[in-house]
Amino acid sequence: DQNPNLIRHLHDLSGVWQTDITYIQLTNHRWVYLATVLDPEKRKVLGYKIGDTMTAELATSALQKALDKHRKPL
């Protein structure tokens, strides 16, 4: 079930971060999860983490990496 796009109609994306988790199949047929934090205005990945399982720690690690390197969003 997908949540509604809450930023679709915003004209100013400064101060907005997006998150996503996706799964990737490796060449050895193993699956991993990629959690990302994105700046939609700059079209830039601010933080990411790859893990074997989709956990809250995976998502929060990606967010913490983004917060460690970039100013906190509005």
PDB file of N, CA and C in Angstrom:
ATOM      1  N   ASP A   1       0.848  -1.183   0.000  1.00  0.00           N
ATOM      2  CA  ASP A   1       0.000   0.000   0.000  1.00  0.00           C
ATOM      3  C   ASP A   1       0.888   1.240   0.000  1.00  0.00           C
ATOM      4  N   GLN A   2       0.673   2.117  -0.946  1.00  0.00           N
ATOM      5  CA  GLN A   2       1.506   3.304  -1.102  1.00  0.00           C
ATOM      6  C   GLN A   2       0.815   4.516  -0.494  1.00  0.00           C
ATOM      7  N   ASN A   3       1.596   5.340   0.214  1.00  0.00           N
ATOM      8  CA  ASN A   3       1.069   6.568   0.802  1.00  0.00           C
ATOM      9  C   ASN A   3       0.933   7.639  -0.267  1.00  0.00           C
ATOM     10  N   PRO A   4       0.049   8.619  -0.029  1.00  0.00           N
ATOM     11  CA  PRO A   4      -0.106   9.694  -1.019  1.00  0.00           C
ATOM     12  C   PRO A   4       1.151  10.557  -1.106  1.00  0.00           C
ATOM     13  N   ASN A   5       1.387  11.140  -2.265  1.00  0.00           N
ATOM     14  CA  ASN A   5       2.534  12.019  -2.495  1.00  0.00           C
ATOM     15  C   ASN A   5       2.210  13.391  -1.906  1.00  0.00           C
ATOM     16  N   LEU A   6       2.776  13.689  -0.736  1.00  0.00           N
ATOM     17  CA  LEU A   6       2.446  14.920  -0.016  1.00  0.00           C
ATOM     18  C   LEU A   6       3.189  16.145  -0.538  1.00  0.00           C
ATOM     19  N   ILE A   7       4.203  15.957  -1.369  1.00  0.00           N
ATOM     20  CA  ILE A   7       4.974  17.108  -1.849  1.00  0.00           C
ATOM     21  C   ILE A   7       4.753  17.399  -3.330  1.00  0.00           C
ATOM     22  N   ARG A   8       3.891  16.656  -3.961  1.00  0.00           N
ATOM     23  CA  ARG A   8       3.679  16.782  -5.406  1.00  0.00           C
ATOM     24  C   ARG A   8       3.326  18.209  -5.828  1.00  0.00           C
ATOM     25  N   HIS A   9       2.554  18.917  -5.027  1.00  0.00           N
ATOM     26  CA  HIS A   9       2.082  20.245  -5.414  1.00  0.00           C
ATOM     27  C   HIS A   9       2.900  21.379  -4.808  1.00  0.00           C
ATOM     28  N   LEU A  10       3.986  21.066  -4.117  1.00  0.00           N
ATOM     29  CA  LEU A  10       4.841  22.121  -3.553  1.00  0.00           C
ATOM     30  C   LEU A  10       5.631  22.799  -4.664  1.00  0.00           C
ATOM     31  N   HIS A  11       5.703  24.114  -4.613  1.00  0.00           N
ATOM     32  CA  HIS A  11       6.495  24.851  -5.601  1.00  0.00           C
ATOM     33  C   HIS A  11       7.937  25.001  -5.143  1.00  0.00           C
ATOM     34  N   ASP A  12       8.154  25.009  -3.836  1.00  0.00           N
ATOM     35  CA  ASP A  12       9.498  25.179  -3.273  1.00  0.00           C
ATOM     36  C   ASP A  12       9.871  23.906  -2.530  1.00  0.00           C
ATOM     37  N   LEU A  13      10.846  23.175  -3.049  1.00  0.00           N
ATOM     38  CA  LEU A  13      11.276  21.926  -2.420  1.00  0.00           C
ATOM     39  C   LEU A  13      12.490  22.111  -1.515  1.00  0.00           C
ATOM     40  N   SER A  14      12.942  23.347  -1.332  1.00  0.00           N
ATOM     41  CA  SER A  14      14.078  23.560  -0.433  1.00  0.00           C
ATOM     42  C   SER A  14      13.648  23.184   0.978  1.00  0.00           C
ATOM     43  N   GLY A  15      14.480  22.479   1.662  1.00  0.00           N
ATOM     44  CA  GLY A  15      14.154  22.052   3.014  1.00  0.00           C
ATOM     45  C   GLY A  15      13.341  20.774   3.084  1.00  0.00           C
ATOM     46  N   VAL A  16      13.131  20.109   1.934  1.00  0.00           N
ATOM     47  CA  VAL A  16      12.376  18.857   1.902  1.00  0.00           C
ATOM     48  C   VAL A  16      13.341  17.707   1.631  1.00  0.00           C
ATOM     49  N   TRP A  17      13.230  16.653   2.413  1.00  0.00           N
ATOM     50  CA  TRP A  17      13.970  15.418   2.154  1.00  0.00           C
ATOM     51  C   TRP A  17      12.970  14.301   1.916  1.00  0.00           C
ATOM     52  N   GLN A  18      13.343  13.371   1.055  1.00  0.00           N
ATOM     53  CA  GLN A  18      12.528  12.191   0.792  1.00  0.00           C
ATOM     54  C   GLN A  18      13.312  10.958   1.198  1.00  0.00           C
ATOM     55  N   THR A  19      12.601   9.900   1.554  1.00  0.00           N
ATOM     56  CA  THR A  19      13.246   8.628   1.872  1.00  0.00           C
ATOM     57  C   THR A  19      12.644   7.529   1.013  1.00  0.00           C
ATOM     58  N   ASP A  20      13.425   6.482   0.830  1.00  0.00           N
ATOM     59  CA  ASP A  20      12.943   5.340   0.063  1.00  0.00           C
ATOM     60  C   ASP A  20      13.720   4.106   0.490  1.00  0.00           C
ATOM     61  N   ILE A  21      13.070   2.963   0.420  1.00  0.00           N
ATOM     62  CA  ILE A  21      13.741   1.671   0.610  1.00  0.00           C
ATOM     63  C   ILE A  21      13.377   0.811  -0.584  1.00  0.00           C
ATOM     64  N   THR A  22      14.393   0.226  -1.199  1.00  0.00           N
ATOM     65  CA  THR A  22      14.155  -0.647  -2.338  1.00  0.00           C
ATOM     66  C   THR A  22      15.002  -1.897  -2.174  1.00  0.00           C
ATOM     67  N   TYR A  23      14.664  -2.936  -2.886  1.00  0.00           N
ATOM     68  CA  TYR A  23      15.460  -4.156  -2.822  1.00  0.00           C
ATOM     69  C   TYR A  23      16.163  -4.375  -4.151  1.00  0.00           C
ATOM     70  N   ILE A  24      17.354  -4.982  -4.044  1.00  0.00           N
ATOM     71  CA  ILE A  24      18.215  -5.179  -5.208  1.00  0.00           C
ATOM     72  C   ILE A  24      18.690  -6.631  -5.209  1.00  0.00           C
ATOM     73  N   GLN A  25      18.583  -7.276  -6.348  1.00  0.00           N
ATOM     74  CA  GLN A  25      19.107  -8.633  -6.462  1.00  0.00           C
ATOM     75  C   GLN A  25      20.548  -8.564  -6.956  1.00  0.00           C
ATOM     76  N   LEU A  26      21.455  -9.181  -6.217  1.00  0.00           N
ATOM     77  CA  LEU A  26      22.868  -9.197  -6.576  1.00  0.00           C
ATOM     78  C   LEU A  26      23.143 -10.279  -7.620  1.00  0.00           C
ATOM     79  N   THR A  27      24.341 -10.263  -8.183  1.00  0.00           N
ATOM     80  CA  THR A  27      24.686 -11.250  -9.210  1.00  0.00           C
ATOM     81  C   THR A  27      24.712 -12.674  -8.670  1.00  0.00           C
ATOM     82  N   ASN A  28      24.895 -12.823  -7.345  1.00  0.00           N
ATOM     83  CA  ASN A  28      24.872 -14.167  -6.755  1.00  0.00           C
ATOM     84  C   ASN A  28      23.445 -14.570  -6.351  1.00  0.00           C
ATOM     85  N   HIS A  29      22.445 -13.815  -6.812  1.00  0.00           N
ATOM     86  CA  HIS A  29      21.016 -14.058  -6.596  1.00  0.00           C
ATOM     87  C   HIS A  29      20.554 -13.756  -5.172  1.00  0.00           C
ATOM     88  N   ARG A  30      21.428 -13.197  -4.355  1.00  0.00           N
ATOM     89  CA  ARG A  30      21.049 -12.741  -3.014  1.00  0.00           C
ATOM     90  C   ARG A  30      20.348 -11.397  -3.125  1.00  0.00           C
ATOM     91  N   TRP A  31      19.458 -11.094  -2.178  1.00  0.00           N
ATOM     92  CA  TRP A  31      18.752  -9.819  -2.154  1.00  0.00           C
ATOM     93  C   TRP A  31      19.291  -8.961  -1.023  1.00  0.00           C
ATOM     94  N   VAL A  32      19.413  -7.667  -1.285  1.00  0.00           N
ATOM     95  CA  VAL A  32      19.779  -6.693  -0.258  1.00  0.00           C
ATOM     96  C   VAL A  32      18.794  -5.527  -0.341  1.00  0.00           C
ATOM     97  N   TYR A  33      18.758  -4.740   0.722  1.00  0.00           N
ATOM     98  CA  TYR A  33      17.875  -3.579   0.783  1.00  0.00           C
ATOM     99  C   TYR A  33      18.713  -2.312   0.781  1.00  0.00           C
ATOM    100  N   LEU A  34      18.265  -1.310   0.042  1.00  0.00           N
ATOM    101  CA  LEU A  34      18.935  -0.020  -0.038  1.00  0.00           C
ATOM    102  C   LEU A  34      17.989   1.049   0.493  1.00  0.00           C
ATOM    103  N   ALA A  35      18.399   1.682   1.601  1.00  0.00           N
ATOM    104  CA  ALA A  35      17.641   2.796   2.171  1.00  0.00           C
ATOM    105  C   ALA A  35      18.344   4.081   1.766  1.00  0.00           C
ATOM    106  N   THR A  36      17.594   5.053   1.252  1.00  0.00           N
ATOM    107  CA  THR A  36      18.189   6.314   0.808  1.00  0.00           C
ATOM    108  C   THR A  36      17.426   7.501   1.377  1.00  0.00           C
ATOM    109  N   VAL A  37      18.165   8.596   1.531  1.00  0.00           N
ATOM    110  CA  VAL A  37      17.590   9.894   1.860  1.00  0.00           C
ATOM    111  C   VAL A  37      17.963  10.814   0.707  1.00  0.00           C
ATOM    112  N   LEU A  38      16.965  11.452   0.100  1.00  0.00           N
ATOM    113  CA  LEU A  38      17.174  12.229  -1.117  1.00  0.00           C
ATOM    114  C   LEU A  38      16.768  13.685  -0.922  1.00  0.00           C
ATOM    115  N   ASP A  39      17.481  14.580  -1.590  1.00  0.00           N
ATOM    116  CA  ASP A  39      17.090  15.980  -1.683  1.00  0.00           C
ATOM    117  C   ASP A  39      16.451  16.150  -3.054  1.00  0.00           C
ATOM    118  N   PRO A  40      15.116  16.288  -3.119  1.00  0.00           N
ATOM    119  CA  PRO A  40      14.453  16.346  -4.433  1.00  0.00           C
ATOM    120  C   PRO A  40      14.757  17.623  -5.207  1.00  0.00           C
ATOM    121  N   GLU A  41      15.093  18.693  -4.513  1.00  0.00           N
ATOM    122  CA  GLU A  41      15.404  19.947  -5.207  1.00  0.00           C
ATOM    123  C   GLU A  41      16.740  19.844  -5.936  1.00  0.00           C
ATOM    124  N   LYS A  42      17.751  19.305  -5.254  1.00  0.00           N
ATOM    125  CA  LYS A  42      19.086  19.179  -5.852  1.00  0.00           C
ATOM    126  C   LYS A  42      19.261  17.868  -6.601  1.00  0.00           C
ATOM    127  N   ARG A  43      18.270  16.987  -6.480  1.00  0.00           N
ATOM    128  CA  ARG A  43      18.333  15.659  -7.098  1.00  0.00           C
ATOM    129  C   ARG A  43      19.610  14.938  -6.695  1.00  0.00           C
ATOM    130  N   LYS A  44      19.803  14.857  -5.377  1.00  0.00           N
ATOM    131  CA  LYS A  44      21.040  14.330  -4.814  1.00  0.00           C
ATOM    132  C   LYS A  44      20.730  13.369  -3.668  1.00  0.00           C
ATOM    133  N   VAL A  45      21.502  12.271  -3.604  1.00  0.00           N
ATOM    134  CA  VAL A  45      21.408  11.351  -2.475  1.00  0.00           C
ATOM    135  C   VAL A  45      22.213  11.949  -1.326  1.00  0.00           C
ATOM    136  N   LEU A  46      21.573  12.106  -0.172  1.00  0.00           N
ATOM    137  CA  LEU A  46      22.227  12.708   0.991  1.00  0.00           C
ATOM    138  C   LEU A  46      22.781  11.660   1.948  1.00  0.00           C
ATOM    139  N   GLY A  47      22.189  10.496   1.957  1.00  0.00           N
ATOM    140  CA  GLY A  47      22.652   9.413   2.818  1.00  0.00           C
ATOM    141  C   GLY A  47      22.062   8.105   2.333  1.00  0.00           C
ATOM    142  N   TYR A  48      22.789   7.013   2.593  1.00  0.00           N
ATOM    143  CA  TYR A  48      22.272   5.698   2.195  1.00  0.00           C
ATOM    144  C   TYR A  48      22.857   4.620   3.092  1.00  0.00           C
ATOM    145  N   LYS A  49      22.198   3.492   3.111  1.00  0.00           N
ATOM    146  CA  LYS A  49      22.669   2.325   3.852  1.00  0.00           C
ATOM    147  C   LYS A  49      22.151   1.091   3.138  1.00  0.00           C
ATOM    148  N   ILE A  50      22.996   0.073   3.030  1.00  0.00           N
ATOM    149  CA  ILE A  50      22.621  -1.207   2.422  1.00  0.00           C
ATOM    150  C   ILE A  50      22.637  -2.263   3.513  1.00  0.00           C
ATOM    151  N   GLY A  51      21.618  -3.119   3.527  1.00  0.00           N
ATOM    152  CA  GLY A  51      21.552  -4.160   4.542  1.00  0.00           C
ATOM    153  C   GLY A  51      20.894  -5.418   4.018  1.00  0.00           C
ATOM    154  N   ASP A  52      21.073  -6.511   4.776  1.00  0.00           N
ATOM    155  CA  ASP A  52      20.493  -7.808   4.411  1.00  0.00           C
ATOM    156  C   ASP A  52      19.012  -7.910   4.746  1.00  0.00           C
ATOM    157  N   THR A  53      18.562  -7.080   5.700  1.00  0.00           N
ATOM    158  CA  THR A  53      17.166  -7.122   6.112  1.00  0.00           C
ATOM    159  C   THR A  53      16.603  -5.704   6.160  1.00  0.00           C
ATOM    160  N   MET A  54      15.304  -5.590   5.944  1.00  0.00           N
ATOM    161  CA  MET A  54      14.637  -4.293   5.992  1.00  0.00           C
ATOM    162  C   MET A  54      14.199  -4.055   7.443  1.00  0.00           C
ATOM    163  N   THR A  55      14.968  -3.226   8.131  1.00  0.00           N
ATOM    164  CA  THR A  55      14.693  -2.952   9.536  1.00  0.00           C
ATOM    165  C   THR A  55      14.604  -1.451   9.768  1.00  0.00           C
ATOM    166  N   ALA A  56      14.091  -1.082  10.936  1.00  0.00           N
ATOM    167  CA  ALA A  56      14.069   0.330  11.316  1.00  0.00           C
ATOM    168  C   ALA A  56      15.497   0.859  11.408  1.00  0.00           C
ATOM    169  N   GLU A  57      16.428   0.045  11.859  1.00  0.00           N
ATOM    170  CA  GLU A  57      17.825   0.467  11.972  1.00  0.00           C
ATOM    171  C   GLU A  57      18.419   0.793  10.610  1.00  0.00           C
ATOM    172  N   LEU A  58      18.035   0.060   9.588  1.00  0.00           N
ATOM    173  CA  LEU A  58      18.507   0.345   8.230  1.00  0.00           C
ATOM    174  C   LEU A  58      18.052   1.737   7.804  1.00  0.00           C
ATOM    175  N   ALA A  59      16.784   2.029   8.004  1.00  0.00           N
ATOM    176  CA  ALA A  59      16.237   3.328   7.610  1.00  0.00           C
ATOM    177  C   ALA A  59      16.829   4.467   8.437  1.00  0.00           C
ATOM    178  N   THR A  60      16.934   4.277   9.743  1.00  0.00           N
ATOM    179  CA  THR A  60      17.457   5.354  10.591  1.00  0.00           C
ATOM    180  C   THR A  60      18.945   5.571  10.372  1.00  0.00           C
ATOM    181  N   SER A  61      19.682   4.543   9.988  1.00  0.00           N
ATOM    182  CA  SER A  61      21.107   4.709   9.677  1.00  0.00           C
ATOM    183  C   SER A  61      21.306   5.602   8.459  1.00  0.00           C
ATOM    184  N   ALA A  62      20.487   5.411   7.442  1.00  0.00           N
ATOM    185  CA  ALA A  62      20.569   6.262   6.251  1.00  0.00           C
ATOM    186  C   ALA A  62      20.243   7.707   6.617  1.00  0.00           C
ATOM    187  N   LEU A  63      19.235   7.896   7.443  1.00  0.00           N
ATOM    188  CA  LEU A  63      18.864   9.241   7.879  1.00  0.00           C
ATOM    189  C   LEU A  63      19.970   9.865   8.724  1.00  0.00           C
ATOM    190  N   GLN A  64      20.570   9.094   9.620  1.00  0.00           N
ATOM    191  CA  GLN A  64      21.644   9.622  10.461  1.00  0.00           C
ATOM    192  C   GLN A  64      22.846  10.033   9.619  1.00  0.00           C
ATOM    193  N   LYS A  65      23.178   9.254   8.593  1.00  0.00           N
ATOM    194  CA  LYS A  65      24.279   9.630   7.689  1.00  0.00           C
ATOM    195  C   LYS A  65      23.989  10.959   7.004  1.00  0.00           C
ATOM    196  N   ALA A  66      22.746  11.161   6.569  1.00  0.00           N
ATOM    197  CA  ALA A  66      22.369  12.423   5.924  1.00  0.00           C
ATOM    198  C   ALA A  66      22.466  13.578   6.918  1.00  0.00           C
ATOM    199  N   LEU A  67      21.997  13.374   8.130  1.00  0.00           N
ATOM    200  CA  LEU A  67      22.052  14.426   9.149  1.00  0.00           C
ATOM    201  C   LEU A  67      23.478  14.761   9.549  1.00  0.00           C
ATOM    202  N   ASP A  68      24.359  13.772   9.548  1.00  0.00           N
ATOM    203  CA  ASP A  68      25.766  14.000   9.910  1.00  0.00           C
ATOM    204  C   ASP A  68      26.494  14.854   8.868  1.00  0.00           C
ATOM    205  N   LYS A  69      26.070  14.759   7.609  1.00  0.00           N
ATOM    206  CA  LYS A  69      26.782  15.444   6.520  1.00  0.00           C
ATOM    207  C   LYS A  69      26.112  16.730   6.043  1.00  0.00           C
ATOM    208  N   HIS A  70      24.832  16.913   6.336  1.00  0.00           N
ATOM    209  CA  HIS A  70      24.075  18.021   5.759  1.00  0.00           C
ATOM    210  C   HIS A  70      23.265  18.725   6.845  1.00  0.00           C
ATOM    211  N   ARG A  71      22.943  19.990   6.557  1.00  0.00           N
ATOM    212  CA  ARG A  71      22.099  20.736   7.495  1.00  0.00           C
ATOM    213  C   ARG A  71      20.730  20.103   7.593  1.00  0.00           C
ATOM    214  N   LYS A  72      20.194  20.098   8.786  1.00  0.00           N
ATOM    215  CA  LYS A  72      18.876  19.541   9.033  1.00  0.00           C
ATOM    216  C   LYS A  72      17.828  20.237   8.161  1.00  0.00           C
ATOM    217  N   PRO A  73      16.940  19.481   7.522  1.00  0.00           N
ATOM    218  CA  PRO A  73      15.924  20.115   6.668  1.00  0.00           C
ATOM    219  C   PRO A  73      14.892  20.860   7.494  1.00  0.00           C
ATOM    220  N   LEU A  74      14.168  21.786   6.832  1.00  0.00           N
ATOM    221  CA  LEU A  74      13.106  22.536   7.508  1.00  0.00           C
ATOM    222  C   LEU A  74      11.985  21.610   7.922  1.00  0.00           C
TER     223      LEU A  74
END
